[in-house]
Amino acid sequence: MERVYIIPLRKVKNVPRTIRSPKAVRLVKEFIQKHMKAEEVKIDASVNEKIWERGIQKVPPKIKVKATKEEDGIVEVTLVE
């Protein structure tokens, strides 16, 4: 199964500046677990680089990703663009 999601990261702005990017990565993982009903989520390096592109404080407001679910229930998340 393969789906494209636009994940809003606006909630990350409400946490302290020094933990915004790590929180955004966790938020992406939680979003995919909830929507794809998966237990294990693997985030590609391109998604991680996009979140960390402007540093730890300035997270993008949203990110467009493609989630692919394998037969064994593992979901791989890659960047769309």
Protein backbone atom coordinates (compact mmCIF):
# COMPACT_ATOMS: atom_id res chain seq x y z
CA MET A 1 0.00 0.00 0.00
CA GLU A 2 1.32 3.45 -0.92
CA ARG A 3 -0.06 6.82 0.12
CA VAL A 4 1.00 10.47 -0.03
CA TYR A 5 0.45 12.61 3.06
CA ILE A 6 0.95 16.29 3.87
CA ILE A 7 1.92 16.27 7.53
CA PRO A 8 1.30 19.53 9.43
CA LEU A 9 4.16 20.43 11.76
CA ARG A 10 2.62 23.59 13.22
CA LYS A 11 2.29 22.06 16.70
CA VAL A 12 6.08 21.89 16.92
CA LYS A 13 6.23 25.69 17.22
CA ASN A 14 4.67 25.39 20.71
CA VAL A 15 7.65 23.52 22.21
CA PRO A 16 10.96 25.11 23.32
CA ARG A 17 13.26 26.18 20.49
CA THR A 18 16.00 23.71 21.36
CA ILE A 19 13.86 20.59 20.80
CA ARG A 20 11.77 21.51 17.75
CA SER A 21 13.42 19.37 15.07
CA PRO A 22 13.64 16.20 17.20
CA LYS A 23 9.97 16.71 18.14
CA ALA A 24 9.06 17.12 14.46
CA VAL A 25 10.72 13.78 13.60
CA ARG A 26 8.75 12.08 16.39
CA LEU A 27 5.55 13.78 15.18
CA VAL A 28 6.07 12.42 11.65
CA LYS A 29 6.59 8.93 13.06
CA GLU A 30 3.45 9.15 15.23
CA PHE A 31 1.37 10.51 12.33
CA ILE A 32 2.38 7.62 10.06
CA GLN A 33 1.79 5.03 12.79
CA LYS A 34 -1.71 6.39 13.35
CA HIS A 35 -2.74 6.73 9.70
CA MET A 36 -1.09 3.61 8.27
CA LYS A 37 -1.80 1.43 11.35
CA ALA A 38 1.81 0.33 11.58
CA GLU A 39 3.98 -0.73 14.47
CA GLU A 40 7.35 0.05 12.90
CA VAL A 41 8.13 3.17 10.85
CA LYS A 42 11.40 3.81 9.01
CA ILE A 43 12.05 7.43 8.08
CA ASP A 44 14.29 8.03 5.06
CA ALA A 45 17.30 10.33 5.36
CA SER A 46 15.73 12.78 2.88
CA VAL A 47 12.80 13.44 5.26
CA ASN A 48 15.20 13.93 8.17
CA GLU A 49 17.35 16.33 6.13
CA LYS A 50 14.29 18.35 5.07
CA ILE A 51 13.21 18.80 8.71
CA TRP A 52 16.74 19.71 9.86
CA GLU A 53 17.47 21.85 6.76
CA ARG A 54 17.20 25.20 8.58
CA GLY A 55 18.48 24.00 11.92
CA ILE A 56 16.93 22.88 15.18
CA GLN A 57 14.74 25.97 15.67
CA LYS A 58 13.16 26.67 12.27
CA VAL A 59 11.06 23.65 11.32
CA PRO A 60 9.00 23.78 8.09
CA PRO A 61 5.25 24.31 8.73
CA LYS A 62 4.33 21.17 6.75
CA ILE A 63 6.03 18.35 4.88
CA LYS A 64 4.84 16.16 1.99
CA VAL A 65 5.82 12.50 2.28
CA LYS A 66 5.11 9.18 0.58
CA ALA A 67 4.45 6.23 2.90
CA THR A 68 4.86 2.68 1.58
CA LYS A 69 3.64 -0.25 3.66
CA GLU A 70 5.33 -3.62 3.15
CA GLU A 71 3.71 -7.04 3.61
CA ASP A 72 5.32 -7.50 7.04
CA GLY A 73 3.81 -4.23 8.37
CA ILE A 74 6.91 -2.03 8.15
CA VAL A 75 6.25 1.44 6.72
CA GLU A 76 8.96 3.37 4.87
CA VAL A 77 8.59 7.14 4.64
CA THR A 78 10.27 9.10 1.83
CA LEU A 79 10.13 12.73 0.73
CA VAL A 80 7.94 13.76 -2.22
CA GLU A 81 9.37 16.49 -4.51
